[in-house]
N, C-alpha and C. Protein backbone atom coordinates (compact mmCIF):
# COMPACT_ATOMS: atom_id res chain seq x y z
N MET A 1 112.44 146.83 46.00
CA MET A 1 111.38 147.41 45.19
C MET A 1 110.05 146.70 45.46
N ARG A 2 110.13 145.40 45.73
CA ARG A 2 108.88 144.67 46.03
C ARG A 2 108.28 145.14 47.33
N ARG A 3 109.14 145.36 48.32
CA ARG A 3 108.65 145.77 49.64
C ARG A 3 107.93 147.12 49.56
N LEU A 4 108.46 148.05 48.75
CA LEU A 4 107.85 149.37 48.60
C LEU A 4 106.76 149.39 47.53
N LYS A 5 106.59 148.24 46.85
CA LYS A 5 105.60 148.12 45.77
C LYS A 5 105.85 149.13 44.67
N ILE A 6 107.11 149.15 44.21
CA ILE A 6 107.52 150.04 43.12
C ILE A 6 107.82 149.15 41.92
N PHE A 7 107.28 149.53 40.79
CA PHE A 7 107.46 148.74 39.57
C PHE A 7 108.41 149.46 38.63
N GLN A 8 109.08 148.67 37.78
CA GLN A 8 110.04 149.22 36.83
C GLN A 8 109.36 150.19 35.86
N LYS A 9 108.09 149.92 35.53
CA LYS A 9 107.38 150.79 34.58
C LYS A 9 107.12 152.19 35.17
N ASP A 10 107.18 152.34 36.50
CA ASP A 10 106.97 153.64 37.14
C ASP A 10 108.22 154.50 37.16
N ILE A 11 109.34 153.94 36.73
CA ILE A 11 110.62 154.67 36.80
C ILE A 11 111.06 155.07 35.40
N LYS A 12 111.32 156.37 35.21
CA LYS A 12 111.86 156.87 33.95
C LYS A 12 113.37 156.97 34.10
N GLU A 13 114.07 156.52 33.10
CA GLU A 13 115.53 156.49 33.14
C GLU A 13 116.08 157.37 32.03
N ALA A 14 117.09 158.15 32.36
CA ALA A 14 117.76 158.98 31.35
C ALA A 14 119.26 158.92 31.61
N PHE A 15 120.01 158.92 30.53
CA PHE A 15 121.47 158.89 30.64
C PHE A 15 122.01 160.18 30.03
N VAL A 16 122.78 160.91 30.81
CA VAL A 16 123.35 162.18 30.36
C VAL A 16 124.85 162.16 30.61
N ARG A 17 125.53 163.09 30.00
CA ARG A 17 126.98 163.16 30.17
C ARG A 17 127.34 163.66 31.54
N SER A 18 128.33 163.01 32.12
CA SER A 18 128.82 163.40 33.44
C SER A 18 129.75 164.58 33.31
N SER A 19 130.08 165.13 34.45
CA SER A 19 131.09 166.18 34.49
C SER A 19 132.13 165.77 35.51
N GLY A 20 133.25 166.42 35.49
CA GLY A 20 134.29 166.12 36.47
C GLY A 20 135.33 165.17 35.93
N SER A 21 136.06 164.52 36.85
CA SER A 21 137.17 163.67 36.44
C SER A 21 136.66 162.39 35.79
N GLY A 22 137.48 161.79 34.97
CA GLY A 22 137.10 160.58 34.25
C GLY A 22 137.71 160.57 32.87
N GLY A 23 138.24 161.68 32.45
CA GLY A 23 138.95 161.76 31.18
C GLY A 23 138.09 161.53 29.97
N GLN A 24 138.64 160.80 29.01
CA GLN A 24 137.99 160.58 27.73
C GLN A 24 136.68 159.82 27.89
N ASN A 25 136.60 158.91 28.84
CA ASN A 25 135.39 158.12 29.06
C ASN A 25 134.21 159.03 29.39
N VAL A 26 134.43 160.01 30.24
CA VAL A 26 133.37 160.94 30.64
C VAL A 26 132.94 161.80 29.47
N ASN A 27 133.89 162.18 28.63
CA ASN A 27 133.57 163.06 27.51
C ASN A 27 132.84 162.33 26.38
N LYS A 28 133.07 161.04 26.21
CA LYS A 28 132.49 160.31 25.09
C LYS A 28 131.20 159.58 25.44
N VAL A 29 131.10 159.04 26.66
CA VAL A 29 129.99 158.17 27.03
C VAL A 29 129.09 158.87 28.06
N SER A 30 127.78 158.70 27.93
CA SER A 30 126.84 159.27 28.89
C SER A 30 126.78 158.34 30.10
N THR A 31 127.59 158.63 31.10
CA THR A 31 127.67 157.75 32.26
C THR A 31 126.81 158.21 33.43
N CYS A 32 126.32 159.42 33.41
CA CYS A 32 125.48 159.93 34.49
C CYS A 32 124.06 159.37 34.32
N VAL A 33 123.51 158.83 35.38
CA VAL A 33 122.18 158.23 35.34
C VAL A 33 121.19 159.10 36.11
N GLN A 34 120.07 159.37 35.47
CA GLN A 34 119.03 160.19 36.09
C GLN A 34 117.76 159.35 36.14
N LEU A 35 117.24 159.12 37.35
CA LEU A 35 116.02 158.32 37.54
C LEU A 35 114.93 159.18 38.12
N MET A 36 113.68 158.92 37.68
CA MET A 36 112.54 159.64 38.21
C MET A 36 111.40 158.66 38.48
N HIS A 37 110.87 158.71 39.69
CA HIS A 37 109.70 157.89 40.04
C HIS A 37 108.48 158.73 39.71
N VAL A 38 107.77 158.34 38.69
CA VAL A 38 106.68 159.14 38.14
C VAL A 38 105.55 159.39 39.14
N PRO A 39 105.03 158.37 39.87
CA PRO A 39 103.90 158.64 40.77
C PRO A 39 104.20 159.66 41.88
N THR A 40 105.41 159.65 42.41
CA THR A 40 105.74 160.59 43.49
C THR A 40 106.47 161.83 42.99
N GLY A 41 107.10 161.75 41.81
CA GLY A 41 107.84 162.89 41.28
C GLY A 41 109.24 163.02 41.87
N ILE A 42 109.73 162.00 42.53
CA ILE A 42 111.06 162.04 43.15
C ILE A 42 112.11 161.76 42.09
N GLN A 43 113.17 162.60 42.06
CA GLN A 43 114.25 162.45 41.08
C GLN A 43 115.57 162.21 41.78
N VAL A 44 116.43 161.42 41.10
CA VAL A 44 117.77 161.13 41.61
C VAL A 44 118.73 161.18 40.43
N LYS A 45 119.92 161.74 40.68
CA LYS A 45 120.95 161.82 39.65
C LYS A 45 122.24 161.29 40.26
N CYS A 46 122.91 160.38 39.56
CA CYS A 46 124.13 159.78 40.10
C CYS A 46 125.23 159.79 39.05
N GLN A 47 126.39 160.31 39.43
CA GLN A 47 127.56 160.29 38.56
C GLN A 47 128.82 160.00 39.38
N ALA A 48 128.65 159.15 40.40
CA ALA A 48 129.74 158.86 41.32
C ALA A 48 130.82 157.99 40.70
N GLU A 49 130.44 157.07 39.82
CA GLU A 49 131.40 156.13 39.23
C GLU A 49 131.65 156.46 37.76
N ARG A 50 132.64 155.80 37.18
CA ARG A 50 132.96 156.02 35.77
C ARG A 50 132.11 155.17 34.85
N SER A 51 131.52 154.11 35.37
CA SER A 51 130.73 153.23 34.51
C SER A 51 129.23 153.50 34.68
N GLN A 52 128.54 153.36 33.57
CA GLN A 52 127.10 153.60 33.58
C GLN A 52 126.36 152.57 34.43
N ALA A 53 126.79 151.33 34.37
CA ALA A 53 126.12 150.26 35.13
C ALA A 53 126.24 150.50 36.63
N ALA A 54 127.42 150.90 37.09
CA ALA A 54 127.61 151.17 38.52
C ALA A 54 126.76 152.36 38.95
N ASN A 55 126.72 153.41 38.13
CA ASN A 55 125.90 154.58 38.45
C ASN A 55 124.42 154.23 38.46
N ARG A 56 124.01 153.34 37.58
CA ARG A 56 122.62 152.92 37.52
C ARG A 56 122.24 152.18 38.80
N TYR A 57 123.11 151.30 39.23
CA TYR A 57 122.89 150.53 40.46
C TYR A 57 122.80 151.47 41.67
N LEU A 58 123.74 152.40 41.77
CA LEU A 58 123.75 153.36 42.88
C LEU A 58 122.51 154.26 42.85
N ALA A 59 122.12 154.70 41.65
CA ALA A 59 120.96 155.59 41.51
C ALA A 59 119.68 154.88 41.96
N LYS A 60 119.55 153.59 41.63
CA LYS A 60 118.36 152.84 42.06
C LYS A 60 118.29 152.75 43.57
N HIS A 61 119.44 152.51 44.20
CA HIS A 61 119.45 152.44 45.66
C HIS A 61 119.12 153.80 46.28
N MET A 62 119.67 154.86 45.71
CA MET A 62 119.37 156.20 46.21
C MET A 62 117.89 156.51 46.05
N LEU A 63 117.31 156.12 44.92
CA LEU A 63 115.89 156.37 44.67
C LEU A 63 115.02 155.60 45.66
N MET A 64 115.36 154.35 45.92
CA MET A 64 114.57 153.56 46.88
C MET A 64 114.62 154.17 48.27
N GLU A 65 115.80 154.65 48.68
CA GLU A 65 115.93 155.29 49.99
C GLU A 65 115.08 156.55 50.08
N LYS A 66 115.11 157.35 49.02
CA LYS A 66 114.32 158.58 49.01
C LYS A 66 112.82 158.29 49.05
N ILE A 67 112.38 157.30 48.30
CA ILE A 67 110.96 156.94 48.27
C ILE A 67 110.53 156.41 49.63
N GLU A 68 111.38 155.57 50.24
CA GLU A 68 111.07 155.02 51.55
C GLU A 68 110.95 156.14 52.58
N ARG A 69 111.87 157.11 52.54
CA ARG A 69 111.83 158.26 53.45
C ARG A 69 110.55 159.08 53.21
N PHE A 70 110.18 159.25 51.94
CA PHE A 70 108.98 160.00 51.58
C PHE A 70 107.74 159.36 52.20
N PHE A 71 107.59 158.04 52.04
CA PHE A 71 106.42 157.35 52.58
C PHE A 71 106.43 157.33 54.11
N HIS A 72 107.62 157.22 54.69
CA HIS A 72 107.73 157.22 56.15
C HIS A 72 107.29 158.58 56.71
N GLU A 73 107.77 159.66 56.12
CA GLU A 73 107.39 161.01 56.58
C GLU A 73 105.91 161.25 56.37
N LYS A 74 105.38 160.72 55.27
CA LYS A 74 103.95 160.89 54.99
C LYS A 74 103.11 160.18 56.05
N SER A 75 103.51 158.96 56.44
CA SER A 75 102.75 158.24 57.46
C SER A 75 102.87 158.91 58.82
N LEU A 76 104.05 159.47 59.13
CA LEU A 76 104.21 160.20 60.39
C LEU A 76 103.31 161.43 60.43
N LYS A 77 103.23 162.14 59.31
CA LYS A 77 102.38 163.34 59.24
C LYS A 77 100.91 162.97 59.43
N GLU A 78 100.49 161.87 58.80
CA GLU A 78 99.09 161.43 58.94
C GLU A 78 98.79 161.06 60.39
N ALA A 79 99.73 160.40 61.05
CA ALA A 79 99.53 160.02 62.46
C ALA A 79 99.45 161.25 63.34
N ARG A 80 100.33 162.25 63.06
CA ARG A 80 100.31 163.51 63.82
C ARG A 80 98.98 164.23 63.63
N ASP A 81 98.51 164.29 62.37
CA ASP A 81 97.25 164.97 62.08
C ASP A 81 96.07 164.28 62.77
N LEU A 82 96.10 162.95 62.78
CA LEU A 82 95.03 162.19 63.44
C LEU A 82 95.02 162.45 64.94
N ALA A 83 96.21 162.47 65.56
CA ALA A 83 96.29 162.75 67.00
C ALA A 83 95.81 164.16 67.31
N CYS A 84 96.15 165.10 66.46
CA CYS A 84 95.72 166.49 66.64
C CYS A 84 94.20 166.59 66.54
N LYS A 85 93.63 165.91 65.56
CA LYS A 85 92.18 165.92 65.38
C LYS A 85 91.48 165.30 66.58
N LYS A 86 92.05 164.22 67.13
CA LYS A 86 91.48 163.60 68.32
C LYS A 86 91.48 164.56 69.49
N ARG A 87 92.60 165.30 69.66
CA ARG A 87 92.68 166.28 70.76
C ARG A 87 91.65 167.39 70.58
N GLN A 88 91.46 167.83 69.34
CA GLN A 88 90.50 168.90 69.08
C GLN A 88 89.06 168.45 69.34
N ASP A 89 88.77 167.21 68.97
CA ASP A 89 87.41 166.70 69.12
C ASP A 89 87.10 166.21 70.52
N ARG A 90 88.13 166.11 71.35
CA ARG A 90 87.94 165.59 72.70
C ARG A 90 87.04 166.53 73.50
N ARG A 91 86.20 165.96 74.30
CA ARG A 91 85.27 166.74 75.09
C ARG A 91 85.99 167.46 76.22
N LYS A 92 85.62 168.70 76.45
CA LYS A 92 86.24 169.49 77.51
C LYS A 92 85.68 169.08 78.87
N PRO A 93 86.47 169.20 79.93
CA PRO A 93 85.97 168.89 81.27
C PRO A 93 84.77 169.77 81.63
N ALA A 94 83.95 169.29 82.53
CA ALA A 94 82.69 169.95 82.86
C ALA A 94 82.88 171.36 83.40
N GLY A 95 83.78 171.55 84.34
CA GLY A 95 83.94 172.87 84.96
C GLY A 95 84.78 173.84 84.15
N LEU A 96 85.36 173.38 83.04
CA LEU A 96 86.27 174.23 82.27
C LEU A 96 85.55 175.43 81.65
N LYS A 97 84.34 175.22 81.17
CA LYS A 97 83.59 176.30 80.53
C LYS A 97 83.32 177.42 81.54
N GLU A 98 82.99 177.06 82.75
CA GLU A 98 82.73 178.07 83.78
C GLU A 98 84.00 178.85 84.11
N ILE A 99 85.12 178.16 84.20
CA ILE A 99 86.40 178.81 84.50
C ILE A 99 86.77 179.78 83.38
N ILE A 100 86.58 179.37 82.14
CA ILE A 100 86.88 180.24 80.99
C ILE A 100 86.01 181.48 81.03
N LEU A 101 84.72 181.32 81.31
CA LEU A 101 83.81 182.47 81.38
C LEU A 101 84.20 183.42 82.52
N GLN A 102 84.61 182.88 83.66
CA GLN A 102 85.04 183.72 84.77
C GLN A 102 86.27 184.55 84.38
N GLU A 103 87.23 183.92 83.70
CA GLU A 103 88.42 184.64 83.25
C GLU A 103 88.06 185.74 82.27
N LYS A 104 87.11 185.47 81.38
CA LYS A 104 86.68 186.47 80.41
C LYS A 104 86.01 187.65 81.12
N HIS A 105 85.21 187.37 82.14
CA HIS A 105 84.55 188.44 82.90
C HIS A 105 85.59 189.30 83.62
N LYS A 106 86.60 188.65 84.21
CA LYS A 106 87.67 189.40 84.89
C LYS A 106 88.37 190.33 83.91
N GLN A 107 88.68 189.80 82.71
CA GLN A 107 89.37 190.60 81.71
C GLN A 107 88.50 191.78 81.26
N SER A 108 87.21 191.54 81.07
CA SER A 108 86.34 192.63 80.63
C SER A 108 86.19 193.68 81.74
N ASP A 109 86.18 193.26 83.00
CA ASP A 109 86.12 194.21 84.12
C ASP A 109 87.38 195.07 84.15
N LYS A 110 88.53 194.47 83.89
CA LYS A 110 89.79 195.23 83.85
C LYS A 110 89.72 196.30 82.77
N LYS A 111 89.27 195.89 81.59
CA LYS A 111 89.20 196.84 80.48
C LYS A 111 88.19 197.94 80.76
N GLN A 112 87.11 197.57 81.41
CA GLN A 112 86.07 198.54 81.75
C GLN A 112 86.63 199.60 82.70
N SER A 113 87.43 199.17 83.65
CA SER A 113 87.97 200.11 84.64
C SER A 113 89.03 201.03 84.03
N ARG A 114 89.60 200.67 82.90
CA ARG A 114 90.64 201.49 82.27
C ARG A 114 90.06 202.55 81.34
N ARG A 115 88.80 202.48 81.05
CA ARG A 115 88.18 203.44 80.13
C ARG A 115 88.12 204.83 80.77
N LYS A 116 88.09 205.82 79.89
CA LYS A 116 87.94 207.19 80.38
C LYS A 116 86.49 207.40 80.80
N ILE A 117 86.34 208.18 81.80
CA ILE A 117 85.00 208.48 82.30
C ILE A 117 84.41 209.59 81.45
N ARG A 118 83.24 209.35 80.94
CA ARG A 118 82.59 210.36 80.12
C ARG A 118 81.62 211.17 80.98
N THR A 119 81.67 212.43 80.80
CA THR A 119 80.74 213.30 81.51
C THR A 119 79.82 213.97 80.52
N LEU A 120 78.58 214.17 80.91
CA LEU A 120 77.65 214.85 80.05
C LEU A 120 77.76 216.35 80.32
N ASP A 121 78.17 217.06 79.32
CA ASP A 121 78.29 218.52 79.47
C ASP A 121 76.94 219.16 79.13
N ALA A 122 76.46 219.96 80.03
CA ALA A 122 75.20 220.66 79.80
C ALA A 122 75.53 222.03 79.22
N ASP A 123 75.19 222.26 78.01
CA ASP A 123 75.50 223.54 77.38
C ASP A 123 74.42 224.54 77.55
């Protein structure tokens, strides 16, 4: 938690009843742990074990993994966006503009030759 700079006050904890096997313990005690990291909005729910303490421990680890993945993907996206912006802002080679204009002229000549010929009818 220190490495990710996550504080206990940023995490909301809720205990709800589990479902599935576990017998009377599951029916009487709220063993399912639900954690939410408020700043990012990431939620985790754990009901793998029969004890609340074990589920709490597992849920915290799951939450830390999810938050770490979230920040990692965010930094990758920022790096990708920065590289894309650099490519867009990069200056084009000197002769490229002339080549592009030549291709455009060729294309317009092709389209011009495909048009129907109009004749002026003298009535």
